PDB file of N, CA and C in Angstrom:
ATOM      1  N   UNK A   1     140.613 126.391 124.960  1.00  0.00           N
ATOM      2  CA  UNK A   1     140.709 125.246 124.079  1.00  0.00           C
ATOM      3  C   UNK A   1     141.049 123.994 124.873  1.00  0.00           C
ATOM      4  N   UNK A   2     141.825 124.149 125.929  1.00  0.00           N
ATOM      5  CA  UNK A   2     142.166 123.010 126.756  1.00  0.00           C
ATOM      6  C   UNK A   2     140.960 122.471 127.487  1.00  0.00           C
ATOM      7  N   UNK A   3     140.011 123.347 127.837  1.00  0.00           N
ATOM      8  CA  UNK A   3     138.809 122.928 128.545  1.00  0.00           C
ATOM      9  C   UNK A   3     137.927 122.068 127.635  1.00  0.00           C
ATOM     10  N   UNK A   4     137.874 122.415 126.369  1.00  0.00           N
ATOM     11  CA  UNK A   4     137.083 121.627 125.420  1.00  0.00           C
ATOM     12  C   UNK A   4     137.644 120.218 125.286  1.00  0.00           C
ATOM     13  N   UNK A   5     138.945 120.109 125.217  1.00  0.00           N
ATOM     14  CA  UNK A   5     139.580 118.806 125.069  1.00  0.00           C
ATOM     15  C   UNK A   5     139.314 117.953 126.301  1.00  0.00           C
ATOM     16  N   UNK A   6     139.427 118.570 127.489  1.00  0.00           N
ATOM     17  CA  UNK A   6     139.160 117.833 128.716  1.00  0.00           C
ATOM     18  C   UNK A   6     137.701 117.371 128.760  1.00  0.00           C
ATOM     19  N   UNK A   7     136.794 118.212 128.339  1.00  0.00           N
ATOM     20  CA  UNK A   7     135.381 117.875 128.339  1.00  0.00           C
ATOM     21  C   UNK A   7     135.098 116.709 127.396  1.00  0.00           C
ATOM     22  N   UNK A   8     135.706 116.735 126.224  1.00  0.00           N
ATOM     23  CA  UNK A   8     135.508 115.659 125.256  1.00  0.00           C
ATOM     24  C   UNK A   8     136.088 114.352 125.772  1.00  0.00           C
ATOM     25  N   UNK A   9     137.265 114.419 126.379  1.00  0.00           N
ATOM     26  CA  UNK A   9     137.883 113.206 126.913  1.00  0.00           C
ATOM     27  C   UNK A   9     137.050 112.632 128.054  1.00  0.00           C
ATOM     28  N   UNK A  10     136.537 113.503 128.917  1.00  0.00           N
ATOM     29  CA  UNK A  10     135.728 113.056 130.039  1.00  0.00           C
ATOM     30  C   UNK A  10     134.443 112.386 129.528  1.00  0.00           C
ATOM     31  N   UNK A  11     133.836 112.975 128.517  1.00  0.00           N
ATOM     32  CA  UNK A  11     132.612 112.421 127.943  1.00  0.00           C
ATOM     33  C   UNK A  11     132.887 111.057 127.306  1.00  0.00           C
ATOM     34  N   UNK A  12     134.015 110.928 126.634  1.00  0.00           N
ATOM     35  CA  UNK A  12     134.383 109.666 125.991  1.00  0.00           C
ATOM     36  C   UNK A  12     134.612 108.580 127.042  1.00  0.00           C
ATOM     37  N   UNK A  13     135.163 108.953 128.183  1.00  0.00           N
ATOM     38  CA  UNK A  13     135.415 107.969 129.232  1.00  0.00           C
ATOM     39  C   UNK A  13     134.123 107.559 129.930  1.00  0.00           C
ATOM     40  N   UNK A  14     133.165 108.450 130.035  1.00  0.00           N
ATOM     41  CA  UNK A  14     131.926 108.160 130.732  1.00  0.00           C
ATOM     42  C   UNK A  14     131.038 107.181 129.958  1.00  0.00           C
ATOM     43  N   UNK A  15     130.989 107.321 128.650  1.00  0.00           N
ATOM     44  CA  UNK A  15     130.098 106.465 127.869  1.00  0.00           C
ATOM     45  C   UNK A  15     130.878 105.782 126.744  1.00  0.00           C
ATOM     46  N   UNK A  16     131.532 104.670 127.064  1.00  0.00           N
ATOM     47  CA  UNK A  16     132.250 103.959 126.006  1.00  0.00           C
ATOM     48  C   UNK A  16     131.262 103.342 125.026  1.00  0.00           C
ATOM     49  N   UNK A  17     131.594 103.410 123.769  1.00  0.00           N
ATOM     50  CA  UNK A  17     130.709 102.873 122.739  1.00  0.00           C
ATOM     51  C   UNK A  17     130.836 101.355 122.695  1.00  0.00           C
ATOM     52  N   UNK A  18     129.700 100.661 122.672  1.00  0.00           N
ATOM     53  CA  UNK A  18     129.757  99.202 122.582  1.00  0.00           C
ATOM     54  C   UNK A  18     130.254  98.791 121.190  1.00  0.00           C
ATOM     55  N   UNK A  19     131.087  97.776 121.165  1.00  0.00           N
ATOM     56  CA  UNK A  19     131.593  97.304 119.884  1.00  0.00           C
ATOM     57  C   UNK A  19     130.690  96.186 119.387  1.00  0.00           C
ATOM     58  N   UNK A  20     130.390  96.240 118.133  1.00  0.00           N
ATOM     59  CA  UNK A  20     129.515  95.262 117.508  1.00  0.00           C
ATOM     60  C   UNK A  20     130.265  94.698 116.318  1.00  0.00           C
ATOM     61  N   UNK A  21     130.482  93.410 116.340  1.00  0.00           N
ATOM     62  CA  UNK A  21     131.212  92.801 115.240  1.00  0.00           C
ATOM     63  C   UNK A  21     130.269  92.570 114.066  1.00  0.00           C
ATOM     64  N   UNK A  22     130.863  92.385 112.917  1.00  0.00           N
ATOM     65  CA  UNK A  22     130.059  92.134 111.727  1.00  0.00           C
ATOM     66  C   UNK A  22     129.278  90.823 111.884  1.00  0.00           C
ATOM     67  N   UNK A  23     129.890  89.858 112.513  1.00  0.00           N
ATOM     68  CA  UNK A  23     129.233  88.563 112.747  1.00  0.00           C
ATOM     69  C   UNK A  23     127.992  88.726 113.627  1.00  0.00           C
ATOM     70  N   UNK A  24     128.097  89.539 114.678  1.00  0.00           N
ATOM     71  CA  UNK A  24     126.961  89.791 115.554  1.00  0.00           C
ATOM     72  C   UNK A  24     125.848  90.518 114.807  1.00  0.00           C
ATOM     73  N   UNK A  25     126.239  91.507 114.000  1.00  0.00           N
ATOM     74  CA  UNK A  25     125.242  92.241 113.233  1.00  0.00           C
ATOM     75  C   UNK A  25     124.525  91.337 112.252  1.00  0.00           C
ATOM     76  N   UNK A  26     125.260  90.499 111.533  1.00  0.00           N
ATOM     77  CA  UNK A  26     124.639  89.607 110.553  1.00  0.00           C
ATOM     78  C   UNK A  26     123.721  88.595 111.227  1.00  0.00           C
ATOM     79  N   UNK A  27     124.104  88.133 112.403  1.00  0.00           N
ATOM     80  CA  UNK A  27     123.255  87.218 113.155  1.00  0.00           C
ATOM     81  C   UNK A  27     121.948  87.907 113.535  1.00  0.00           C
ATOM     82  N   UNK A  28     122.047  89.140 114.040  1.00  0.00           N
ATOM     83  CA  UNK A  28     120.860  89.902 114.397  1.00  0.00           C
ATOM     84  C   UNK A  28     119.993  90.148 113.170  1.00  0.00           C
ATOM     85  N   UNK A  29     120.629  90.499 112.049  1.00  0.00           N
ATOM     86  CA  UNK A  29     119.909  90.797 110.815  1.00  0.00           C
ATOM     87  C   UNK A  29     119.141  89.566 110.318  1.00  0.00           C
ATOM     88  N   UNK A  30     119.778  88.388 110.378  1.00  0.00           N
ATOM     89  CA  UNK A  30     119.101  87.154 109.959  1.00  0.00           C
ATOM     90  C   UNK A  30     117.877  86.881 110.836  1.00  0.00           C
ATOM     91  N   UNK A  31     118.029  87.064 112.148  1.00  0.00           N
ATOM     92  CA  UNK A  31     116.911  86.843 113.067  1.00  0.00           C
ATOM     93  C   UNK A  31     115.783  87.832 112.796  1.00  0.00           C
ATOM     94  N   UNK A  32     116.144  89.082 112.571  1.00  0.00           N
ATOM     95  CA  UNK A  32     115.154  90.114 112.298  1.00  0.00           C
ATOM     96  C   UNK A  32     114.410  89.820 110.993  1.00  0.00           C
ATOM     97  N   UNK A  33     115.150  89.460 109.937  1.00  0.00           N
ATOM     98  CA  UNK A  33     114.527  89.136 108.649  1.00  0.00           C
ATOM     99  C   UNK A  33     113.611  87.921 108.761  1.00  0.00           C
ATOM    100  N   UNK A  34     114.030  86.924 109.532  1.00  0.00           N
ATOM    101  CA  UNK A  34     113.205  85.727 109.717  1.00  0.00           C
ATOM    102  C   UNK A  34     111.913  86.076 110.453  1.00  0.00           C
ATOM    103  N   UNK A  35     112.006  86.931 111.449  1.00  0.00           N
ATOM    104  CA  UNK A  35     110.813  87.333 112.197  1.00  0.00           C
ATOM    105  C   UNK A  35     109.860  88.125 111.310  1.00  0.00           C
ATOM    106  N   UNK A  36     110.398  89.016 110.491  1.00  0.00           N
ATOM    107  CA  UNK A  36     109.562  89.818 109.602  1.00  0.00           C
ATOM    108  C   UNK A  36     108.874  88.938 108.563  1.00  0.00           C
ATOM    109  N   UNK A  37     109.626  88.013 107.974  1.00  0.00           N
ATOM    110  CA  UNK A  37     109.017  87.149 106.957  1.00  0.00           C
ATOM    111  C   UNK A  37     107.977  86.213 107.579  1.00  0.00           C
ATOM    112  N   UNK A  38     108.209  85.753 108.795  1.00  0.00           N
ATOM    113  CA  UNK A  38     107.227  84.907 109.471  1.00  0.00           C
ATOM    114  C   UNK A  38     105.952  85.696 109.757  1.00  0.00           C
ATOM    115  N   UNK A  39     106.114  86.943 110.168  1.00  0.00           N
ATOM    116  CA  UNK A  39     104.960  87.792 110.439  1.00  0.00           C
ATOM    117  C   UNK A  39     104.167  88.051 109.154  1.00  0.00           C
ATOM    118  N   UNK A  40     104.871  88.317 108.052  1.00  0.00           N
ATOM    119  CA  UNK A  40     104.194  88.549 106.773  1.00  0.00           C
ATOM    120  C   UNK A  40     103.459  87.300 106.305  1.00  0.00           C
ATOM    121  N   UNK A  41     104.080  86.141 106.484  1.00  0.00           N
ATOM    122  CA  UNK A  41     103.437  84.889 106.082  1.00  0.00           C
ATOM    123  C   UNK A  41     102.175  84.644 106.907  1.00  0.00           C
ATOM    124  N   UNK A  42     102.232  84.945 108.189  1.00  0.00           N
ATOM    125  CA  UNK A  42     101.068  84.758 109.060  1.00  0.00           C
ATOM    126  C   UNK A  42      99.942  85.700 108.643  1.00  0.00           C
ATOM    127  N   UNK A  43     100.266  86.951 108.343  1.00  0.00           N
ATOM    128  CA  UNK A  43      99.249  87.909 107.917  1.00  0.00           C
ATOM    129  C   UNK A  43      98.632  87.465 106.594  1.00  0.00           C
ATOM    130  N   UNK A  44      99.461  86.994 105.678  1.00  0.00           N
ATOM    131  CA  UNK A  44      98.977  86.538 104.379  1.00  0.00           C
ATOM    132  C   UNK A  44      98.060  85.325 104.533  1.00  0.00           C
ATOM    133  N   UNK A  45      98.466  84.389 105.375  1.00  0.00           N
ATOM    134  CA  UNK A  45      97.654  83.196 105.614  1.00  0.00           C
ATOM    135  C   UNK A  45      96.310  83.581 106.230  1.00  0.00           C
ATOM    136  N   UNK A  46      96.338  84.467 107.200  1.00  0.00           N
ATOM    137  CA  UNK A  46      95.108  84.909 107.862  1.00  0.00           C
ATOM    138  C   UNK A  46      94.201  85.618 106.870  1.00  0.00           C
ATOM    139  N   UNK A  47      94.774  86.454 105.999  1.00  0.00           N
ATOM    140  CA  UNK A  47      93.979  87.173 104.996  1.00  0.00           C
ATOM    141  C   UNK A  47      93.315  86.177 104.035  1.00  0.00           C
ATOM    142  N   UNK A  48      94.074  85.159 103.606  1.00  0.00           N
ATOM    143  CA  UNK A  48      93.523  84.151 102.700  1.00  0.00           C
ATOM    144  C   UNK A  48      92.377  83.393 103.363  1.00  0.00           C
ATOM    145  N   UNK A  49      92.524  83.072 104.644  1.00  0.00           N
ATOM    146  CA  UNK A  49      91.450  82.386 105.364  1.00  0.00           C
ATOM    147  C   UNK A  49      90.216  83.272 105.472  1.00  0.00           C
ATOM    148  N   UNK A  50      90.414  84.555 105.751  1.00  0.00           N
ATOM    149  CA  UNK A  50      89.295  85.484 105.875  1.00  0.00           C
ATOM    150  C   UNK A  50      88.576  85.664 104.541  1.00  0.00           C
ATOM    151  N   UNK A  51      89.327  85.700 103.449  1.00  0.00           N
ATOM    152  CA  UNK A  51      88.716  85.824 102.121  1.00  0.00           C
ATOM    153  C   UNK A  51      87.905  84.579 101.804  1.00  0.00           C
ATOM    154  N   UNK A  52      88.472  83.417 102.102  1.00  0.00           N
ATOM    155  CA  UNK A  52      87.767  82.162 101.838  1.00  0.00           C
ATOM    156  C   UNK A  52      86.486  82.067 102.666  1.00  0.00           C
ATOM    157  N   UNK A  53      86.517  82.590 103.876  1.00  0.00           N
ATOM    158  CA  UNK A  53      85.341  82.555 104.742  1.00  0.00           C
ATOM    159  C   UNK A  53      84.345  83.656 104.383  1.00  0.00           C
ATOM    160  N   UNK A  54      84.787  84.635 103.598  1.00  0.00           N
ATOM    161  CA  UNK A  54      83.908  85.733 103.206  1.00  0.00           C
ATOM    162  C   UNK A  54      83.761  86.805 104.258  1.00  0.00           C
ATOM    163  N   UNK A  55      84.669  86.857 105.215  1.00  0.00           N
ATOM    164  CA  UNK A  55      84.565  87.853 106.279  1.00  0.00           C
ATOM    165  C   UNK A  55      85.178  89.194 105.902  1.00  0.00           C
ATOM    166  N   UNK A  56      86.018  89.237 104.873  1.00  0.00           N
ATOM    167  CA  UNK A  56      86.605  90.498 104.421  1.00  0.00           C
ATOM    168  C   UNK A  56      86.373  90.644 102.924  1.00  0.00           C
ATOM    169  N   UNK A  57      86.391  91.883 102.483  1.00  0.00           N
ATOM    170  CA  UNK A  57      86.203  92.163 101.072  1.00  0.00           C
ATOM    171  C   UNK A  57      87.549  92.073 100.361  1.00  0.00           C
ATOM    172  N   UNK A  58      87.543  91.478  99.163  1.00  0.00           N
ATOM    173  CA  UNK A  58      88.776  91.345  98.395  1.00  0.00           C
ATOM    174  C   UNK A  58      89.127  92.661  97.735  1.00  0.00           C
ATOM    175  N   UNK A  59      90.439  92.898  97.593  1.00  0.00           N
ATOM    176  CA  UNK A  59      90.861  94.049  96.805  1.00  0.00           C
ATOM    177  C   UNK A  59      90.911  93.626  95.338  1.00  0.00           C
ATOM    178  N   UNK A  60      91.258  94.543  94.457  1.00  0.00           N
ATOM    179  CA  UNK A  60      91.231  94.261  93.026  1.00  0.00           C
ATOM    180  C   UNK A  60      92.132  93.123  92.609  1.00  0.00           C
ATOM    181  N   UNK A  61      93.337  93.084  93.124  1.00  0.00           N
ATOM    182  CA  UNK A  61      94.278  92.027  92.761  1.00  0.00           C
ATOM    183  C   UNK A  61      93.774  90.663  93.219  1.00  0.00           C
ATOM    184  N   UNK A  62      93.295  90.614  94.458  1.00  0.00           N
ATOM    185  CA  UNK A  62      92.796  89.346  94.979  1.00  0.00           C
ATOM    186  C   UNK A  62      91.576  88.867  94.201  1.00  0.00           C
ATOM    187  N   UNK A  63      90.711  89.797  93.823  1.00  0.00           N
ATOM    188  CA  UNK A  63      89.538  89.437  93.029  1.00  0.00           C
ATOM    189  C   UNK A  63      89.959  88.913  91.660  1.00  0.00           C
ATOM    190  N   UNK A  64      90.925  89.570  91.035  1.00  0.00           N
ATOM    191  CA  UNK A  64      91.410  89.135  89.730  1.00  0.00           C
ATOM    192  C   UNK A  64      92.031  87.744  89.804  1.00  0.00           C
ATOM    193  N   UNK A  65      92.801  87.478  90.841  1.00  0.00           N
ATOM    194  CA  UNK A  65      93.425  86.167  90.988  1.00  0.00           C
ATOM    195  C   UNK A  65      92.408  85.085  91.345  1.00  0.00           C
ATOM    196  N   UNK A  66      91.389  85.451  92.112  1.00  0.00           N
ATOM    197  CA  UNK A  66      90.405  84.467  92.571  1.00  0.00           C
ATOM    198  C   UNK A  66      89.300  84.231  91.537  1.00  0.00           C
ATOM    199  N   UNK A  67      88.852  85.287  90.881  1.00  0.00           N
ATOM    200  CA  UNK A  67      87.778  85.181  89.896  1.00  0.00           C
ATOM    201  C   UNK A  67      88.110  86.010  88.656  1.00  0.00           C
ATOM    202  N   UNK A  68      88.990  85.516  87.777  1.00  0.00           N
ATOM    203  CA  UNK A  68      89.396  86.315  86.618  1.00  0.00           C
ATOM    204  C   UNK A  68      88.272  86.552  85.613  1.00  0.00           C
ATOM    205  N   UNK A  69      87.232  85.769  85.641  1.00  0.00           N
ATOM    206  CA  UNK A  69      86.115  85.953  84.729  1.00  0.00           C
ATOM    207  C   UNK A  69      85.381  87.266  84.929  1.00  0.00           C
ATOM    208  N   UNK A  70      85.493  87.835  86.107  1.00  0.00           N
ATOM    209  CA  UNK A  70      84.845  89.108  86.402  1.00  0.00           C
ATOM    210  C   UNK A  70      85.425  90.213  85.510  1.00  0.00           C
ATOM    211  N   UNK A  71      86.682  90.055  85.140  1.00  0.00           N
ATOM    212  CA  UNK A  71      87.370  91.088  84.365  1.00  0.00           C
ATOM    213  C   UNK A  71      87.406  90.788  82.872  1.00  0.00           C
ATOM    214  N   UNK A  72      86.619  89.852  82.407  1.00  0.00           N
ATOM    215  CA  UNK A  72      86.592  89.475  80.990  1.00  0.00           C
ATOM    216  C   UNK A  72      85.718  90.480  80.228  1.00  0.00           C
ATOM    217  N   UNK A  73      86.334  91.319  79.418  1.00  0.00           N
ATOM    218  CA  UNK A  73      85.604  92.337  78.672  1.00  0.00           C
ATOM    219  C   UNK A  73      85.128  91.833  77.309  1.00  0.00           C
ATOM    220  N   UNK A  74      85.381  90.612  76.955  1.00  0.00           N
ATOM    221  CA  UNK A  74      84.979  90.104  75.648  1.00  0.00           C
ATOM    222  C   UNK A  74      83.474  89.918  75.559  1.00  0.00           C
ATOM    223  N   UNK A  75      82.787  89.907  76.655  1.00  0.00           N
ATOM    224  CA  UNK A  75      81.331  89.728  76.664  1.00  0.00           C
ATOM    225  C   UNK A  75      80.589  91.002  76.263  1.00  0.00           C
ATOM    226  N   UNK A  76      81.245  92.121  76.283  1.00  0.00           N
ATOM    227  CA  UNK A  76      80.562  93.397  76.016  1.00  0.00           C
ATOM    228  C   UNK A  76      80.664  93.805  74.578  1.00  0.00           C
TER     229      UNK A  76
END
């Protein structure tokens, strides 16, 4: 049992855990969220440009928002 304790203590001394404050974590989280939202905005903008240029096919939601008359069933 003494050998286990020595082994655990030695391991704890070899690799000290880095301390991360809440302030540091929140700063990192804000930067990460900003990067993700910027990436999503860029993808959305690029998709809108591609749809306007006709280089990609629209999905159902985009078609409904862009041309709602296509889904008008009152004509039938």
